[in-house]
Amino acid sequence: MIIPWQELPTETLQNLIESFVLQEGTDYGEQERTLDEKVADVTQQLHRGDVVIVWSELHESVSLRVAREVR
């Protein structure tokens, strides 16, 4: 089930995005990016609809996924 990001409290959304960014692993680009920059990028992707928040009832977990892979 897709959870609209607008329905989450601001602090919850921020924590979810930070958790996702911290899990992603090593950067492979030429320049290292800060946590704040990565969070801002994911936030913009959510606002554009490129990324969605997905609740898995089976696993009782939430994740961020590329929208086109979910629909």
N, C-alpha and C. Protein backbone atom coordinates (compact mmCIF):
# COMPACT_ATOMS: atom_id res chain seq x y z
N MET A 1 0.84 -1.16 0.00
CA MET A 1 0.00 0.00 0.00
C MET A 1 0.89 1.24 0.00
N ILE A 2 0.58 2.20 -0.85
CA ILE A 2 1.33 3.45 -0.91
C ILE A 2 0.77 4.40 0.15
N ILE A 3 1.68 4.96 0.93
CA ILE A 3 1.31 5.93 1.97
C ILE A 3 1.65 7.33 1.44
N PRO A 4 0.68 8.22 1.32
CA PRO A 4 0.99 9.59 0.87
C PRO A 4 1.91 10.28 1.88
N TRP A 5 3.02 10.83 1.38
CA TRP A 5 3.98 11.47 2.29
C TRP A 5 3.36 12.65 3.01
N GLN A 6 2.35 13.28 2.40
CA GLN A 6 1.70 14.44 3.00
C GLN A 6 0.95 14.08 4.29
N GLU A 7 0.61 12.80 4.45
CA GLU A 7 -0.15 12.37 5.62
C GLU A 7 0.72 12.05 6.83
N LEU A 8 2.03 12.03 6.64
CA LEU A 8 2.93 11.72 7.75
C LEU A 8 3.33 13.00 8.49
N PRO A 9 3.45 12.91 9.81
CA PRO A 9 3.97 14.06 10.55
C PRO A 9 5.38 14.40 10.04
N THR A 10 5.73 15.67 10.04
CA THR A 10 7.01 16.12 9.51
C THR A 10 8.19 15.37 10.12
N GLU A 11 8.19 15.19 11.42
CA GLU A 11 9.30 14.51 12.09
C GLU A 11 9.40 13.04 11.66
N THR A 12 8.27 12.39 11.52
CA THR A 12 8.24 11.00 11.08
C THR A 12 8.81 10.87 9.66
N LEU A 13 8.38 11.76 8.78
CA LEU A 13 8.86 11.75 7.40
C LEU A 13 10.37 11.99 7.37
N GLN A 14 10.84 12.95 8.13
CA GLN A 14 12.27 13.25 8.18
C GLN A 14 13.06 12.03 8.66
N ASN A 15 12.58 11.38 9.71
CA ASN A 15 13.26 10.19 10.24
C ASN A 15 13.27 9.04 9.23
N LEU A 16 12.17 8.87 8.52
CA LEU A 16 12.08 7.82 7.50
C LEU A 16 13.08 8.07 6.38
N ILE A 17 13.15 9.29 5.91
CA ILE A 17 14.07 9.63 4.82
C ILE A 17 15.52 9.46 5.28
N GLU A 18 15.84 9.95 6.48
CA GLU A 18 17.20 9.81 7.00
C GLU A 18 17.59 8.34 7.14
N SER A 19 16.67 7.54 7.63
CA SER A 19 16.94 6.11 7.78
C SER A 19 17.22 5.47 6.42
N PHE A 20 16.43 5.82 5.42
CA PHE A 20 16.62 5.31 4.07
C PHE A 20 17.98 5.71 3.52
N VAL A 21 18.32 6.98 3.67
CA VAL A 21 19.58 7.49 3.14
C VAL A 21 20.77 6.82 3.82
N LEU A 22 20.67 6.58 5.11
CA LEU A 22 21.77 5.96 5.84
C LEU A 22 21.95 4.49 5.48
N GLN A 23 20.91 3.85 5.00
CA GLN A 23 20.98 2.44 4.59
C GLN A 23 21.56 2.24 3.21
N GLU A 24 21.57 3.28 2.40
CA GLU A 24 21.86 3.11 0.98
C GLU A 24 23.28 2.68 0.67
N GLY A 25 24.23 2.87 1.55
CA GLY A 25 25.59 2.39 1.30
C GLY A 25 26.53 3.46 0.80
N THR A 26 27.52 3.03 0.09
CA THR A 26 28.61 3.89 -0.34
C THR A 26 28.23 4.73 -1.55
N ASP A 27 28.74 5.97 -1.57
CA ASP A 27 28.59 6.82 -2.75
C ASP A 27 29.58 6.37 -3.80
N TYR A 28 29.18 6.42 -5.05
CA TYR A 28 30.07 6.04 -6.12
C TYR A 28 30.42 7.21 -7.02
N GLY A 29 29.93 8.38 -6.66
CA GLY A 29 30.23 9.58 -7.44
C GLY A 29 31.59 10.16 -7.10
N GLU A 30 31.95 11.20 -7.83
CA GLU A 30 33.25 11.83 -7.61
C GLU A 30 33.27 12.64 -6.32
N GLN A 31 32.12 13.15 -5.91
CA GLN A 31 32.06 13.98 -4.72
C GLN A 31 31.18 13.33 -3.67
N GLU A 32 31.66 13.34 -2.45
CA GLU A 32 30.86 12.83 -1.33
C GLU A 32 29.76 13.84 -1.03
N ARG A 33 28.58 13.36 -0.72
CA ARG A 33 27.44 14.24 -0.42
C ARG A 33 27.12 14.13 1.05
N THR A 34 26.67 15.23 1.63
CA THR A 34 26.32 15.24 3.05
C THR A 34 24.97 14.58 3.25
N LEU A 35 24.70 14.21 4.49
CA LEU A 35 23.40 13.64 4.84
C LEU A 35 22.29 14.61 4.48
N ASP A 36 22.47 15.89 4.79
CA ASP A 36 21.44 16.89 4.49
C ASP A 36 21.17 16.98 2.99
N GLU A 37 22.22 16.90 2.18
CA GLU A 37 22.04 16.96 0.73
C GLU A 37 21.27 15.74 0.23
N LYS A 38 21.61 14.58 0.75
CA LYS A 38 20.92 13.35 0.35
C LYS A 38 19.45 13.38 0.77
N VAL A 39 19.20 13.85 1.99
CA VAL A 39 17.82 13.96 2.48
C VAL A 39 17.02 14.92 1.60
N ALA A 40 17.63 16.05 1.26
CA ALA A 40 16.96 17.03 0.39
C ALA A 40 16.63 16.42 -0.97
N ASP A 41 17.54 15.63 -1.53
CA ASP A 41 17.29 14.97 -2.82
C ASP A 41 16.10 14.02 -2.75
N VAL A 42 16.07 13.19 -1.72
CA VAL A 42 14.98 12.23 -1.57
C VAL A 42 13.66 12.97 -1.32
N THR A 43 13.71 14.02 -0.53
CA THR A 43 12.50 14.81 -0.27
C THR A 43 11.95 15.38 -1.57
N GLN A 44 12.81 15.91 -2.42
CA GLN A 44 12.37 16.43 -3.71
C GLN A 44 11.77 15.33 -4.59
N GLN A 45 12.38 14.15 -4.54
CA GLN A 45 11.85 13.03 -5.32
C GLN A 45 10.46 12.63 -4.83
N LEU A 46 10.25 12.67 -3.52
CA LEU A 46 8.91 12.39 -2.97
C LEU A 46 7.91 13.44 -3.45
N HIS A 47 8.29 14.70 -3.38
CA HIS A 47 7.39 15.79 -3.78
C HIS A 47 7.03 15.70 -5.26
N ARG A 48 7.98 15.28 -6.08
CA ARG A 48 7.72 15.14 -7.52
C ARG A 48 6.93 13.87 -7.86
N GLY A 49 6.89 12.93 -6.93
CA GLY A 49 6.19 11.68 -7.20
C GLY A 49 7.09 10.62 -7.81
N ASP A 50 8.40 10.86 -7.86
CA ASP A 50 9.34 9.89 -8.41
C ASP A 50 9.59 8.74 -7.45
N VAL A 51 9.44 9.02 -6.16
CA VAL A 51 9.63 8.04 -5.09
C VAL A 51 8.35 8.02 -4.26
N VAL A 52 7.97 6.85 -3.77
CA VAL A 52 6.78 6.72 -2.93
C VAL A 52 7.13 5.95 -1.66
N ILE A 53 6.29 6.13 -0.66
CA ILE A 53 6.44 5.41 0.60
C ILE A 53 5.50 4.21 0.53
N VAL A 54 6.04 3.03 0.77
CA VAL A 54 5.26 1.80 0.64
C VAL A 54 5.23 1.07 1.98
N TRP A 55 4.03 0.71 2.41
CA TRP A 55 3.82 -0.11 3.61
C TRP A 55 3.62 -1.54 3.16
N SER A 56 4.39 -2.46 3.71
CA SER A 56 4.23 -3.88 3.43
C SER A 56 3.51 -4.52 4.61
N GLU A 57 2.28 -4.91 4.38
CA GLU A 57 1.51 -5.57 5.43
C GLU A 57 2.13 -6.93 5.77
N LEU A 58 2.63 -7.61 4.76
CA LEU A 58 3.24 -8.91 4.96
C LEU A 58 4.46 -8.83 5.89
N HIS A 59 5.32 -7.85 5.64
CA HIS A 59 6.55 -7.70 6.43
C HIS A 59 6.41 -6.70 7.57
N GLU A 60 5.26 -6.04 7.63
CA GLU A 60 5.02 -4.99 8.63
C GLU A 60 6.18 -4.00 8.65
N SER A 61 6.48 -3.47 7.45
CA SER A 61 7.58 -2.53 7.32
C SER A 61 7.24 -1.46 6.30
N VAL A 62 7.97 -0.39 6.37
CA VAL A 62 7.79 0.72 5.44
C VAL A 62 9.10 0.91 4.68
N SER A 63 8.99 1.29 3.42
CA SER A 63 10.19 1.53 2.62
C SER A 63 9.91 2.62 1.60
N LEU A 64 10.99 3.15 1.05
CA LEU A 64 10.88 4.10 -0.05
C LEU A 64 11.23 3.36 -1.33
N ARG A 65 10.40 3.55 -2.35
CA ARG A 65 10.60 2.81 -3.61
C ARG A 65 10.43 3.77 -4.77
N VAL A 66 11.05 3.43 -5.87
CA VAL A 66 10.86 4.20 -7.11
C VAL A 66 9.42 3.97 -7.55
N ALA A 67 8.72 5.06 -7.81
CA ALA A 67 7.29 5.01 -8.10
C ALA A 67 6.96 4.11 -9.29
N ARG A 68 7.72 4.20 -10.34
CA ARG A 68 7.39 3.42 -11.55
C ARG A 68 7.53 1.91 -11.33
N GLU A 69 8.27 1.52 -10.30
CA GLU A 69 8.42 0.09 -9.99
C GLU A 69 7.26 -0.44 -9.15
N VAL A 70 6.51 0.46 -8.56
CA VAL A 70 5.43 0.06 -7.66
C VAL A 70 4.10 0.03 -8.36
N ARG A 71 3.89 0.90 -9.27
CA ARG A 71 2.56 1.05 -9.90
C ARG A 71 2.30 0.04 -10.96
